[in-house]
């Protein structure tokens, strides 16, 4: 085996055996209650919601948008509008195996090849529950109760509970946080008055989303 292939195999093995920090066990009753409360982080489908969005982008750029999102049998649809109501982006992420991402409209700079995938991931992480039941429910060493879903391709999602319900959603890839979503205020039908999504890193950004209406 060549040194390069051996190194690649070792990296793959390390990625496969890597784990997020363990969660301390809690009682069966507490696990059942936590599982119900963690699902309250996400609205029940089908739904439609409108948010105002303040985007803080790299180099200090701050801009305002209006976002309309909907989830139902067809999949997840996301629309971005200018404050004046001009359509800037319209995309549909079809349900698994039914055709992938369909971009119905995208104007510059929202027509970049990586933009649609990132936007749909942002909306999906914030408003769609992971598939299936949590793989683990327990507590951090600092005492917060967490539901954790282990996903394919070394990805994971966690919902962290606060004293009054879901407080944060975190997504990971290869043990690195890819998004942190703060859920602020008292939810109405699964929608929180304010959602703050942060993508870390040099090209990271923050989206402050305030709920306008939903049904």
N, C-alpha and C. Protein backbone atom coordinates (compact mmCIF):
# COMPACT_ATOMS: atom_id res chain seq x y z
N UNK A 1 0.85 -1.20 0.00
CA UNK A 1 0.00 0.00 0.00
C UNK A 1 0.88 1.24 0.00
N UNK A 2 0.56 2.21 -0.86
CA UNK A 2 1.37 3.41 -0.95
C UNK A 2 1.16 4.26 0.30
N UNK A 3 2.16 5.11 0.66
CA UNK A 3 2.00 5.99 1.83
C UNK A 3 0.77 6.87 1.74
N UNK A 4 0.47 7.37 0.52
CA UNK A 4 -0.70 8.26 0.36
C UNK A 4 -1.99 7.49 0.64
N UNK A 5 -2.10 6.27 0.09
CA UNK A 5 -3.31 5.46 0.30
C UNK A 5 -3.43 5.05 1.75
N UNK A 6 -2.29 4.76 2.38
CA UNK A 6 -2.33 4.39 3.80
C UNK A 6 -2.82 5.56 4.64
N UNK A 7 -2.34 6.77 4.33
CA UNK A 7 -2.78 7.94 5.08
C UNK A 7 -4.26 8.18 4.90
N UNK A 8 -4.76 8.02 3.65
CA UNK A 8 -6.18 8.22 3.39
C UNK A 8 -7.01 7.20 4.14
N UNK A 9 -6.56 5.95 4.19
CA UNK A 9 -7.28 4.91 4.91
C UNK A 9 -7.32 5.21 6.40
N UNK A 10 -6.20 5.71 6.93
CA UNK A 10 -6.16 6.04 8.35
C UNK A 10 -7.11 7.17 8.68
N UNK A 11 -7.17 8.19 7.82
CA UNK A 11 -8.09 9.30 8.05
C UNK A 11 -9.53 8.82 8.02
N UNK A 12 -9.85 7.95 7.06
CA UNK A 12 -11.22 7.43 6.98
C UNK A 12 -11.56 6.63 8.23
N UNK A 13 -10.59 5.84 8.73
CA UNK A 13 -10.83 5.06 9.93
C UNK A 13 -11.05 5.96 11.13
N UNK A 14 -10.24 7.01 11.26
CA UNK A 14 -10.39 7.93 12.38
C UNK A 14 -11.73 8.64 12.33
N UNK A 15 -12.17 9.04 11.13
CA UNK A 15 -13.47 9.69 11.00
C UNK A 15 -14.58 8.75 11.40
N UNK A 16 -14.44 7.46 11.04
CA UNK A 16 -15.49 6.50 11.33
C UNK A 16 -15.59 6.22 12.83
N UNK A 17 -14.44 6.28 13.55
CA UNK A 17 -14.49 5.92 14.96
C UNK A 17 -14.65 7.15 15.85
N UNK A 18 -14.63 8.35 15.27
CA UNK A 18 -14.76 9.56 16.07
C UNK A 18 -16.20 9.70 16.58
N UNK A 19 -16.34 10.29 17.75
CA UNK A 19 -17.66 10.44 18.35
C UNK A 19 -17.77 11.80 19.00
N UNK A 20 -18.99 12.30 19.08
CA UNK A 20 -19.26 13.48 19.89
C UNK A 20 -19.11 13.12 21.35
N UNK A 21 -18.94 14.10 22.23
CA UNK A 21 -18.79 13.80 23.66
C UNK A 21 -19.97 12.97 24.16
N UNK A 22 -19.71 12.00 25.03
CA UNK A 22 -20.79 11.15 25.53
C UNK A 22 -21.78 11.95 26.37
N UNK A 23 -23.02 11.46 26.40
CA UNK A 23 -24.07 12.06 27.21
C UNK A 23 -24.31 11.19 28.43
N UNK A 24 -24.42 11.83 29.58
CA UNK A 24 -24.72 11.10 30.81
C UNK A 24 -26.14 10.56 30.75
N UNK A 25 -26.35 9.36 31.27
CA UNK A 25 -27.66 8.73 31.23
C UNK A 25 -28.67 9.43 32.15
N UNK A 26 -29.94 9.37 31.77
CA UNK A 26 -31.04 9.87 32.59
C UNK A 26 -32.09 8.78 32.69
N UNK A 27 -33.05 8.94 33.56
CA UNK A 27 -34.05 7.90 33.78
C UNK A 27 -34.93 7.71 32.54
N UNK A 28 -35.58 6.55 32.45
CA UNK A 28 -36.46 6.27 31.32
C UNK A 28 -37.59 7.29 31.24
N UNK A 29 -38.13 7.68 32.38
CA UNK A 29 -39.20 8.67 32.37
C UNK A 29 -38.70 10.01 31.85
N UNK A 30 -37.52 10.42 32.30
CA UNK A 30 -36.96 11.69 31.83
C UNK A 30 -36.63 11.63 30.34
N UNK A 31 -36.19 10.46 29.85
CA UNK A 31 -35.92 10.33 28.42
C UNK A 31 -37.20 10.49 27.62
N UNK A 32 -38.28 9.88 28.09
CA UNK A 32 -39.56 9.99 27.37
C UNK A 32 -40.04 11.43 27.31
N UNK A 33 -39.93 12.13 28.44
CA UNK A 33 -40.35 13.54 28.48
C UNK A 33 -39.45 14.38 27.57
N UNK A 34 -38.14 14.13 27.61
CA UNK A 34 -37.21 14.90 26.78
C UNK A 34 -37.49 14.66 25.30
N UNK A 35 -37.80 13.43 24.90
CA UNK A 35 -38.06 13.14 23.49
C UNK A 35 -39.25 13.96 22.98
N UNK A 36 -40.28 14.09 23.80
CA UNK A 36 -41.45 14.88 23.41
C UNK A 36 -41.09 16.36 23.33
N UNK A 37 -40.34 16.85 24.31
CA UNK A 37 -39.98 18.27 24.33
C UNK A 37 -39.04 18.62 23.18
N UNK A 38 -38.13 17.71 22.81
CA UNK A 38 -37.22 18.00 21.70
C UNK A 38 -37.98 18.14 20.39
N UNK A 39 -39.03 17.35 20.19
CA UNK A 39 -39.81 17.48 18.96
C UNK A 39 -40.53 18.82 18.88
N UNK A 40 -40.72 19.48 20.01
CA UNK A 40 -41.37 20.79 20.01
C UNK A 40 -40.50 21.88 19.40
N UNK A 41 -39.25 21.55 19.08
CA UNK A 41 -38.38 22.51 18.39
C UNK A 41 -38.81 22.71 16.94
N UNK A 42 -39.66 21.81 16.42
CA UNK A 42 -40.00 21.83 15.00
C UNK A 42 -41.52 21.86 14.81
N UNK A 43 -42.02 22.68 13.87
CA UNK A 43 -43.46 22.72 13.61
C UNK A 43 -43.94 21.43 12.94
N UNK A 44 -45.21 21.13 13.16
CA UNK A 44 -45.82 19.94 12.56
C UNK A 44 -46.22 20.24 11.11
N UNK A 45 -45.86 19.37 10.21
CA UNK A 45 -46.19 19.56 8.80
C UNK A 45 -47.64 19.15 8.52
N UNK A 46 -48.27 19.74 7.50
CA UNK A 46 -47.75 20.78 6.61
C UNK A 46 -47.81 22.15 7.27
N UNK A 47 -46.94 23.06 6.83
CA UNK A 47 -46.92 24.40 7.39
C UNK A 47 -46.39 25.40 6.35
N UNK A 48 -46.66 26.67 6.62
CA UNK A 48 -46.10 27.77 5.84
C UNK A 48 -45.81 28.90 6.81
N UNK A 49 -44.69 29.59 6.62
CA UNK A 49 -44.31 30.66 7.53
C UNK A 49 -43.58 31.76 6.78
N UNK A 50 -43.76 32.99 7.27
CA UNK A 50 -43.07 34.16 6.71
C UNK A 50 -42.23 34.79 7.81
N UNK A 51 -40.99 35.11 7.48
CA UNK A 51 -40.07 35.76 8.42
C UNK A 51 -39.43 36.98 7.76
N UNK A 52 -39.17 37.99 8.55
CA UNK A 52 -38.21 39.00 8.13
C UNK A 52 -36.83 38.50 8.53
N UNK A 53 -35.83 38.79 7.69
CA UNK A 53 -34.49 38.25 7.89
C UNK A 53 -33.48 39.39 7.84
N UNK A 54 -32.64 39.46 8.84
CA UNK A 54 -31.47 40.33 8.81
C UNK A 54 -30.25 39.44 8.68
N UNK A 55 -29.55 39.54 7.55
CA UNK A 55 -28.40 38.70 7.27
C UNK A 55 -27.12 39.48 7.53
N UNK A 56 -26.28 38.95 8.41
CA UNK A 56 -24.96 39.52 8.65
C UNK A 56 -23.94 38.62 7.97
N UNK A 57 -23.32 39.13 6.92
CA UNK A 57 -22.47 38.33 6.05
C UNK A 57 -21.00 38.68 6.27
N UNK A 58 -20.08 37.90 5.68
CA UNK A 58 -18.66 38.24 5.81
C UNK A 58 -18.37 39.66 5.37
N UNK A 59 -17.30 40.23 5.93
CA UNK A 59 -16.84 41.59 5.66
C UNK A 59 -17.80 42.63 6.22
N UNK A 60 -18.68 42.20 7.13
CA UNK A 60 -19.54 43.15 7.82
C UNK A 60 -20.78 43.58 7.07
N UNK A 61 -21.08 42.97 5.93
CA UNK A 61 -22.27 43.36 5.18
C UNK A 61 -23.51 42.91 5.92
N UNK A 62 -24.49 43.82 6.05
CA UNK A 62 -25.76 43.52 6.69
C UNK A 62 -26.88 43.89 5.73
N UNK A 63 -27.79 42.96 5.50
CA UNK A 63 -28.88 43.22 4.57
C UNK A 63 -30.18 42.64 5.07
N UNK A 64 -31.30 43.20 4.60
CA UNK A 64 -32.62 42.75 5.00
C UNK A 64 -33.33 42.02 3.88
N UNK A 65 -34.06 40.95 4.24
CA UNK A 65 -34.80 40.15 3.29
C UNK A 65 -36.12 39.72 3.93
N UNK A 66 -36.99 39.17 3.11
CA UNK A 66 -38.20 38.51 3.59
C UNK A 66 -38.14 37.07 3.10
N UNK A 67 -38.35 36.13 4.02
CA UNK A 67 -38.31 34.72 3.66
C UNK A 67 -39.67 34.07 3.84
N UNK A 68 -40.08 33.30 2.85
CA UNK A 68 -41.31 32.51 2.93
C UNK A 68 -40.91 31.06 2.74
N UNK A 69 -41.29 30.21 3.67
CA UNK A 69 -40.96 28.79 3.58
C UNK A 69 -42.20 27.97 3.82
N UNK A 70 -42.24 26.79 3.22
CA UNK A 70 -43.38 25.89 3.40
C UNK A 70 -42.89 24.46 3.30
N UNK A 71 -43.50 23.58 4.09
CA UNK A 71 -43.16 22.16 4.06
C UNK A 71 -44.44 21.35 3.98
N UNK A 72 -44.44 20.35 3.12
CA UNK A 72 -45.61 19.52 2.95
C UNK A 72 -45.27 18.27 2.18
N UNK A 73 -46.26 17.60 1.61
CA UNK A 73 -46.03 16.33 0.92
C UNK A 73 -45.02 16.42 -0.23
N UNK A 74 -44.98 17.58 -0.90
CA UNK A 74 -44.07 17.71 -2.05
C UNK A 74 -42.63 17.89 -1.61
N UNK A 75 -42.42 18.51 -0.47
CA UNK A 75 -41.07 18.77 0.01
C UNK A 75 -40.99 20.11 0.71
N UNK A 76 -39.80 20.69 0.71
CA UNK A 76 -39.52 21.96 1.37
C UNK A 76 -39.31 23.04 0.31
N UNK A 77 -40.10 24.11 0.40
CA UNK A 77 -39.96 25.22 -0.54
C UNK A 77 -39.50 26.45 0.22
N UNK A 78 -38.57 27.19 -0.37
CA UNK A 78 -38.06 28.42 0.24
C UNK A 78 -38.03 29.53 -0.81
N UNK A 79 -38.54 30.70 -0.42
CA UNK A 79 -38.58 31.87 -1.30
C UNK A 79 -37.94 33.03 -0.56
N UNK A 80 -37.07 33.76 -1.24
CA UNK A 80 -36.50 34.98 -0.70
C UNK A 80 -37.03 36.17 -1.50
N UNK A 81 -37.45 37.20 -0.78
CA UNK A 81 -37.95 38.42 -1.40
C UNK A 81 -37.15 39.61 -0.91
N UNK A 82 -37.02 40.62 -1.75
CA UNK A 82 -36.45 41.88 -1.29
C UNK A 82 -37.45 42.57 -0.38
N UNK A 83 -37.03 43.57 0.41
CA UNK A 83 -37.99 44.30 1.25
C UNK A 83 -39.13 44.91 0.44
N UNK A 84 -38.91 45.13 -0.86
CA UNK A 84 -39.96 45.70 -1.72
C UNK A 84 -40.87 44.62 -2.30
N UNK A 85 -40.57 43.35 -2.02
CA UNK A 85 -41.42 42.27 -2.50
C UNK A 85 -40.98 41.64 -3.81
N UNK A 86 -39.78 41.94 -4.29
CA UNK A 86 -39.27 41.36 -5.53
C UNK A 86 -38.70 39.97 -5.25
N UNK A 87 -39.09 39.00 -6.05
CA UNK A 87 -38.63 37.63 -5.87
C UNK A 87 -37.16 37.50 -6.28
N UNK A 88 -36.34 37.04 -5.35
CA UNK A 88 -34.91 36.89 -5.59
C UNK A 88 -34.50 35.43 -5.76
N UNK A 89 -35.21 34.55 -5.07
CA UNK A 89 -34.88 33.12 -5.12
C UNK A 89 -36.14 32.33 -4.81
N UNK A 90 -36.32 31.22 -5.54
CA UNK A 90 -37.45 30.33 -5.31
C UNK A 90 -36.97 28.92 -5.60
N UNK A 91 -36.91 28.08 -4.56
CA UNK A 91 -36.41 26.72 -4.74
C UNK A 91 -37.26 25.71 -4.00
N UNK A 92 -37.28 24.50 -4.53
CA UNK A 92 -38.03 23.40 -3.93
C UNK A 92 -37.10 22.21 -3.74
N UNK A 93 -36.93 21.79 -2.49
CA UNK A 93 -36.19 20.57 -2.18
C UNK A 93 -37.21 19.44 -2.07
N UNK A 94 -37.27 18.61 -3.11
CA UNK A 94 -38.25 17.54 -3.11
C UNK A 94 -37.89 16.48 -2.08
N UNK A 95 -38.91 15.76 -1.66
CA UNK A 95 -38.67 14.70 -0.68
C UNK A 95 -37.72 13.67 -1.25
N UNK A 96 -37.00 12.99 -0.34
CA UNK A 96 -35.95 12.07 -0.75
C UNK A 96 -36.36 11.13 -1.86
N UNK A 97 -35.51 11.05 -2.89
CA UNK A 97 -35.73 10.14 -3.99
C UNK A 97 -36.73 10.61 -5.02
N UNK A 98 -37.21 11.87 -4.90
CA UNK A 98 -38.25 12.31 -5.83
C UNK A 98 -37.78 13.43 -6.75
N UNK A 99 -36.48 13.63 -6.86
CA UNK A 99 -36.04 14.61 -7.86
C UNK A 99 -35.07 15.65 -7.36
N UNK A 100 -34.74 15.66 -6.05
CA UNK A 100 -33.74 16.57 -5.55
C UNK A 100 -34.19 18.02 -5.53
N UNK A 101 -33.24 18.94 -5.76
CA UNK A 101 -33.48 20.37 -5.65
C UNK A 101 -33.86 20.95 -7.01
N UNK A 102 -34.99 21.66 -7.03
CA UNK A 102 -35.45 22.33 -8.24
C UNK A 102 -35.43 23.83 -7.98
N UNK A 103 -34.65 24.58 -8.75
CA UNK A 103 -34.58 26.03 -8.60
C UNK A 103 -35.50 26.66 -9.64
N UNK A 104 -36.52 27.33 -9.17
CA UNK A 104 -37.50 27.91 -10.07
C UNK A 104 -37.16 29.35 -10.43
N UNK A 105 -36.40 30.04 -9.58
CA UNK A 105 -35.95 31.39 -9.90
C UNK A 105 -34.75 31.71 -9.02
N UNK A 106 -33.77 32.38 -9.60
CA UNK A 106 -32.60 32.82 -8.84
C UNK A 106 -31.93 33.95 -9.60
N UNK A 107 -31.84 35.12 -8.98
CA UNK A 107 -31.19 36.26 -9.61
C UNK A 107 -29.87 36.51 -8.89
N UNK A 108 -28.87 37.09 -9.58
CA UNK A 108 -27.58 37.37 -8.94
C UNK A 108 -27.76 38.24 -7.70
N UNK A 109 -27.02 37.99 -6.60
CA UNK A 109 -26.00 36.95 -6.44
C UNK A 109 -26.56 35.63 -5.91
N UNK A 110 -27.88 35.46 -5.93
CA UNK A 110 -28.51 34.27 -5.37
C UNK A 110 -28.50 33.10 -6.35
N UNK A 111 -27.86 33.25 -7.50
CA UNK A 111 -27.79 32.19 -8.49
C UNK A 111 -26.48 31.41 -8.42
N UNK A 112 -25.64 31.66 -7.41
CA UNK A 112 -24.40 30.89 -7.27
C UNK A 112 -24.72 29.42 -7.04
N UNK A 113 -23.87 28.54 -7.52
CA UNK A 113 -24.14 27.11 -7.48
C UNK A 113 -24.26 26.58 -6.05
N UNK A 114 -23.50 27.19 -5.12
CA UNK A 114 -23.53 26.69 -3.75
C UNK A 114 -24.59 27.35 -2.89
N UNK A 115 -25.21 28.41 -3.40
CA UNK A 115 -26.15 29.17 -2.57
C UNK A 115 -27.40 28.37 -2.27
N UNK A 116 -27.99 27.75 -3.30
CA UNK A 116 -29.25 27.05 -3.11
C UNK A 116 -29.11 25.93 -2.10
N UNK A 117 -28.04 25.14 -2.20
CA UNK A 117 -27.86 24.03 -1.27
C UNK A 117 -27.70 24.54 0.16
N UNK A 118 -26.94 25.63 0.35
CA UNK A 118 -26.74 26.17 1.69
C UNK A 118 -28.05 26.73 2.25
N UNK A 119 -28.82 27.43 1.41
CA UNK A 119 -30.08 28.00 1.88
C UNK A 119 -31.06 26.91 2.29
N UNK A 120 -31.20 25.87 1.46
CA UNK A 120 -32.14 24.81 1.80
C UNK A 120 -31.68 24.07 3.06
N UNK A 121 -30.37 23.94 3.25
CA UNK A 121 -29.87 23.32 4.48
C UNK A 121 -30.17 24.19 5.69
N UNK A 122 -30.02 25.52 5.54
CA UNK A 122 -30.36 26.43 6.64
C UNK A 122 -31.82 26.27 7.05
N UNK A 123 -32.72 26.33 6.06
CA UNK A 123 -34.15 26.24 6.36
C UNK A 123 -34.49 24.87 6.91
N UNK A 124 -33.93 23.83 6.31
CA UNK A 124 -34.22 22.48 6.78
C UNK A 124 -33.74 22.23 8.19
N UNK A 125 -32.52 22.68 8.51
CA UNK A 125 -32.00 22.48 9.86
C UNK A 125 -32.82 23.23 10.90
N UNK A 126 -33.33 24.41 10.53
CA UNK A 126 -34.06 25.23 11.48
C UNK A 126 -35.49 24.75 11.71
N UNK A 127 -36.14 24.16 10.69
CA UNK A 127 -37.57 23.92 10.77
C UNK A 127 -38.01 22.49 10.53
N UNK A 128 -37.13 21.60 10.08
CA UNK A 128 -37.50 20.22 9.82
C UNK A 128 -36.82 19.29 10.83
N UNK A 129 -37.57 18.38 11.45
CA UNK A 129 -36.94 17.47 12.41
C UNK A 129 -36.11 16.42 11.69
N UNK A 130 -35.05 15.94 12.34
CA UNK A 130 -34.30 14.82 11.75
C UNK A 130 -35.21 13.59 11.63
N UNK A 131 -34.87 12.71 10.70
CA UNK A 131 -35.68 11.52 10.49
C UNK A 131 -35.51 10.54 11.66
N UNK A 132 -36.61 9.90 12.01
CA UNK A 132 -36.56 8.85 13.02
C UNK A 132 -36.48 9.37 14.44
N UNK A 133 -36.18 8.44 15.34
CA UNK A 133 -36.06 8.76 16.76
C UNK A 133 -34.62 9.15 17.10
N UNK A 134 -34.41 9.91 18.18
CA UNK A 134 -33.03 10.23 18.58
C UNK A 134 -32.24 8.95 18.86
N UNK A 135 -30.97 8.98 18.49
CA UNK A 135 -30.11 7.84 18.79
C UNK A 135 -29.64 7.87 20.24
N UNK A 136 -29.61 9.05 20.84
CA UNK A 136 -29.22 9.19 22.24
C UNK A 136 -30.02 10.32 22.88
N UNK A 137 -30.36 10.16 24.14
CA UNK A 137 -30.94 11.24 24.94
C UNK A 137 -30.24 11.20 26.29
N UNK A 138 -29.67 12.32 26.69
CA UNK A 138 -28.95 12.36 27.96
C UNK A 138 -28.59 13.78 28.33
N UNK A 139 -27.55 13.92 29.15
CA UNK A 139 -27.15 15.24 29.62
C UNK A 139 -25.68 15.50 29.34
N UNK A 140 -25.40 16.77 28.99
CA UNK A 140 -24.03 17.23 28.93
C UNK A 140 -23.44 17.23 30.34
N UNK A 141 -22.11 17.31 30.39
CA UNK A 141 -21.45 17.43 31.69
C UNK A 141 -21.88 18.70 32.41
N UNK A 142 -22.31 19.72 31.66
CA UNK A 142 -22.76 20.98 32.26
C UNK A 142 -24.23 20.95 32.67
N UNK A 143 -24.93 19.82 32.45
CA UNK A 143 -26.28 19.64 32.98
C UNK A 143 -27.43 19.79 32.00
N UNK A 144 -27.18 20.30 30.78
CA UNK A 144 -28.28 20.48 29.82
C UNK A 144 -28.71 19.13 29.24
N UNK A 145 -30.01 18.94 29.11
CA UNK A 145 -30.54 17.73 28.49
C UNK A 145 -30.55 17.89 26.98
N UNK A 146 -30.15 16.82 26.27
CA UNK A 146 -29.94 16.88 24.83
C UNK A 146 -30.54 15.63 24.17
N UNK A 147 -31.20 15.84 23.03
CA UNK A 147 -31.56 14.75 22.13
C UNK A 147 -30.59 14.78 20.95
N UNK A 148 -30.01 13.64 20.62
CA UNK A 148 -29.01 13.58 19.56
C UNK A 148 -29.42 12.56 18.51
N UNK A 149 -29.38 13.01 17.24
CA UNK A 149 -29.61 12.14 16.10
C UNK A 149 -28.29 11.94 15.38
N UNK A 150 -27.88 10.70 15.19
CA UNK A 150 -26.69 10.40 14.38
C UNK A 150 -27.15 10.12 12.96
N UNK A 151 -26.60 10.87 12.00
CA UNK A 151 -27.04 10.81 10.61
C UNK A 151 -25.94 10.23 9.73
N UNK A 152 -26.26 9.84 8.50
CA UNK A 152 -25.23 9.30 7.61
C UNK A 152 -24.13 10.33 7.32
N UNK A 153 -23.01 9.83 6.82
CA UNK A 153 -21.88 10.67 6.38
C UNK A 153 -21.29 11.49 7.52
N UNK A 154 -21.22 10.90 8.71
CA UNK A 154 -20.57 11.54 9.86
C UNK A 154 -21.25 12.85 10.24
N UNK A 155 -22.56 12.92 10.09
CA UNK A 155 -23.33 14.10 10.46
C UNK A 155 -24.18 13.78 11.69
N UNK A 156 -24.53 14.82 12.44
CA UNK A 156 -25.37 14.66 13.62
C UNK A 156 -26.15 15.95 13.86
N UNK A 157 -27.28 15.80 14.50
CA UNK A 157 -28.10 16.94 14.91
C UNK A 157 -28.43 16.78 16.39
N UNK A 158 -28.35 17.88 17.13
CA UNK A 158 -28.72 17.89 18.54
C UNK A 158 -29.76 18.96 18.80
N UNK A 159 -30.73 18.65 19.65
CA UNK A 159 -31.63 19.64 20.21
C UNK A 159 -31.32 19.74 21.69
N UNK A 160 -30.99 20.94 22.13
CA UNK A 160 -30.70 21.19 23.54
C UNK A 160 -31.92 21.83 24.19
N UNK A 161 -32.31 21.29 25.34
CA UNK A 161 -33.48 21.78 26.05
C UNK A 161 -33.08 22.78 27.12
N UNK A 162 -33.87 23.85 27.25
CA UNK A 162 -33.75 24.78 28.35
C UNK A 162 -34.83 24.52 29.37
N UNK A 163 -34.98 25.41 30.32
CA UNK A 163 -35.96 25.20 31.38
C UNK A 163 -37.39 25.25 30.87
N UNK A 164 -37.64 26.00 29.79
CA UNK A 164 -39.01 26.15 29.30
C UNK A 164 -39.25 25.44 27.97
N UNK A 165 -38.27 24.67 27.48
CA UNK A 165 -38.46 23.96 26.22
C UNK A 165 -37.20 23.99 25.37
N UNK A 166 -37.32 23.69 24.07
CA UNK A 166 -36.14 23.69 23.20
C UNK A 166 -35.46 25.05 23.18
N UNK A 167 -34.14 25.04 23.28
CA UNK A 167 -33.37 26.28 23.32
C UNK A 167 -32.43 26.42 22.13
N UNK A 168 -31.85 25.32 21.66
CA UNK A 168 -30.86 25.38 20.58
C UNK A 168 -30.91 24.11 19.74
N UNK A 169 -30.58 24.27 18.49
CA UNK A 169 -30.37 23.15 17.58
C UNK A 169 -28.95 23.29 17.05
N UNK A 170 -28.19 22.22 17.07
CA UNK A 170 -26.84 22.24 16.51
C UNK A 170 -26.70 21.11 15.49
N UNK A 171 -26.03 21.41 14.40
CA UNK A 171 -25.71 20.37 13.42
C UNK A 171 -24.19 20.24 13.35
N UNK A 172 -23.76 19.00 13.12
CA UNK A 172 -22.33 18.69 13.09
C UNK A 172 -22.01 17.91 11.82
N UNK A 173 -20.80 18.09 11.36
CA UNK A 173 -20.23 17.22 10.33
C UNK A 173 -18.79 16.95 10.72
N UNK A 174 -18.46 15.66 10.82
CA UNK A 174 -17.11 15.26 11.26
C UNK A 174 -16.72 15.97 12.55
N UNK A 175 -17.67 16.03 13.49
CA UNK A 175 -17.48 16.58 14.84
C UNK A 175 -17.40 18.10 14.88
N UNK A 176 -17.46 18.77 13.73
CA UNK A 176 -17.42 20.22 13.70
C UNK A 176 -18.83 20.78 13.60
N UNK A 177 -19.10 21.84 14.38
CA UNK A 177 -20.42 22.48 14.31
C UNK A 177 -20.55 23.19 12.97
N UNK A 178 -21.58 22.85 12.20
CA UNK A 178 -21.83 23.50 10.92
C UNK A 178 -22.90 24.59 11.03
N UNK A 179 -23.80 24.44 11.99
CA UNK A 179 -24.82 25.45 12.24
C UNK A 179 -25.23 25.39 13.70
N UNK A 180 -25.48 26.56 14.28
CA UNK A 180 -26.13 26.64 15.59
C UNK A 180 -27.35 27.53 15.45
N UNK A 181 -28.48 27.04 15.93
CA UNK A 181 -29.75 27.73 15.77
C UNK A 181 -30.31 27.98 17.16
N UNK A 182 -30.46 29.25 17.51
CA UNK A 182 -31.04 29.62 18.80
C UNK A 182 -32.53 29.88 18.62
N UNK A 183 -33.32 29.29 19.51
CA UNK A 183 -34.78 29.41 19.48
C UNK A 183 -35.19 30.34 20.62
N UNK A 184 -35.71 31.51 20.27
CA UNK A 184 -35.93 32.56 21.25
C UNK A 184 -37.42 32.89 21.38
N UNK A 185 -37.88 33.04 22.62
CA UNK A 185 -39.26 33.41 22.88
C UNK A 185 -40.15 32.19 23.07
N UNK A 186 -41.44 32.44 23.21
CA UNK A 186 -42.43 31.38 23.45
C UNK A 186 -43.00 30.96 22.10
N UNK A 187 -42.92 29.66 21.75
CA UNK A 187 -43.37 29.24 20.42
C UNK A 187 -44.88 29.27 20.28
N UNK A 188 -45.31 29.44 19.03
CA UNK A 188 -46.73 29.42 18.66
C UNK A 188 -46.88 28.38 17.56
N UNK A 189 -47.48 27.25 17.89
CA UNK A 189 -47.64 26.20 16.89
C UNK A 189 -46.33 25.65 16.37
N UNK A 190 -45.31 25.63 17.21
CA UNK A 190 -44.00 25.13 16.79
C UNK A 190 -43.10 26.18 16.18
N UNK A 191 -43.59 27.40 16.01
CA UNK A 191 -42.77 28.49 15.47
C UNK A 191 -42.38 29.45 16.58
N UNK A 192 -41.08 29.73 16.66
CA UNK A 192 -40.57 30.65 17.68
C UNK A 192 -40.58 32.08 17.13
N UNK A 193 -40.83 33.06 18.01
CA UNK A 193 -40.87 34.46 17.54
C UNK A 193 -39.58 34.89 16.86
N UNK A 194 -38.45 34.37 17.34
CA UNK A 194 -37.16 34.72 16.75
C UNK A 194 -36.29 33.48 16.66
N UNK A 195 -35.65 33.31 15.53
CA UNK A 195 -34.70 32.23 15.31
C UNK A 195 -33.40 32.86 14.82
N UNK A 196 -32.31 32.55 15.49
CA UNK A 196 -31.00 33.10 15.09
C UNK A 196 -30.11 31.93 14.65
N UNK A 197 -29.76 31.91 13.38
CA UNK A 197 -28.94 30.85 12.81
C UNK A 197 -27.54 31.38 12.55
N UNK A 198 -26.55 30.66 13.06
CA UNK A 198 -25.15 31.07 12.89
C UNK A 198 -24.37 29.95 12.23
N UNK A 199 -23.68 30.27 11.15
CA UNK A 199 -22.76 29.36 10.50
C UNK A 199 -21.35 29.85 10.82
N UNK A 200 -20.55 29.07 11.55
CA UNK A 200 -19.23 29.55 11.96
C UNK A 200 -18.21 29.45 10.83
N UNK A 201 -17.04 30.03 11.08
CA UNK A 201 -15.94 29.92 10.13
C UNK A 201 -15.66 31.22 9.40
N UNK A 202 -14.59 31.19 8.59
CA UNK A 202 -14.15 32.40 7.89
C UNK A 202 -15.22 32.93 6.96
N UNK A 203 -15.96 32.06 6.30
CA UNK A 203 -17.04 32.49 5.41
C UNK A 203 -18.40 32.41 6.05
N UNK A 204 -18.43 32.41 7.38
CA UNK A 204 -19.69 32.22 8.09
C UNK A 204 -20.60 33.43 8.05
N UNK A 205 -21.80 33.23 8.54
CA UNK A 205 -22.81 34.30 8.52
C UNK A 205 -23.83 34.04 9.61
N UNK A 206 -24.64 35.06 9.87
CA UNK A 206 -25.72 34.95 10.84
C UNK A 206 -27.02 35.43 10.20
N UNK A 207 -28.09 34.68 10.42
CA UNK A 207 -29.42 35.06 9.95
C UNK A 207 -30.32 35.24 11.16
N UNK A 208 -30.80 36.46 11.38
CA UNK A 208 -31.77 36.75 12.43
C UNK A 208 -33.15 36.76 11.79
N UNK A 209 -33.98 35.77 12.13
CA UNK A 209 -35.29 35.61 11.52
C UNK A 209 -36.38 35.91 12.54
N UNK A 210 -37.25 36.83 12.21
CA UNK A 210 -38.38 37.18 13.09
C UNK A 210 -39.68 36.77 12.41
N UNK A 211 -40.49 36.04 13.15
CA UNK A 211 -41.72 35.50 12.61
C UNK A 211 -42.73 36.61 12.32
N UNK A 212 -43.29 36.59 11.12
CA UNK A 212 -44.35 37.53 10.73
C UNK A 212 -45.71 36.86 10.85
N UNK A 213 -45.85 35.69 10.22
CA UNK A 213 -47.09 34.92 10.32
C UNK A 213 -46.81 33.47 9.94
N UNK A 214 -47.77 32.60 10.23
CA UNK A 214 -47.63 31.18 9.85
C UNK A 214 -49.01 30.54 9.84
N UNK A 215 -49.08 29.45 9.11
CA UNK A 215 -50.30 28.63 9.14
C UNK A 215 -49.95 27.20 8.78
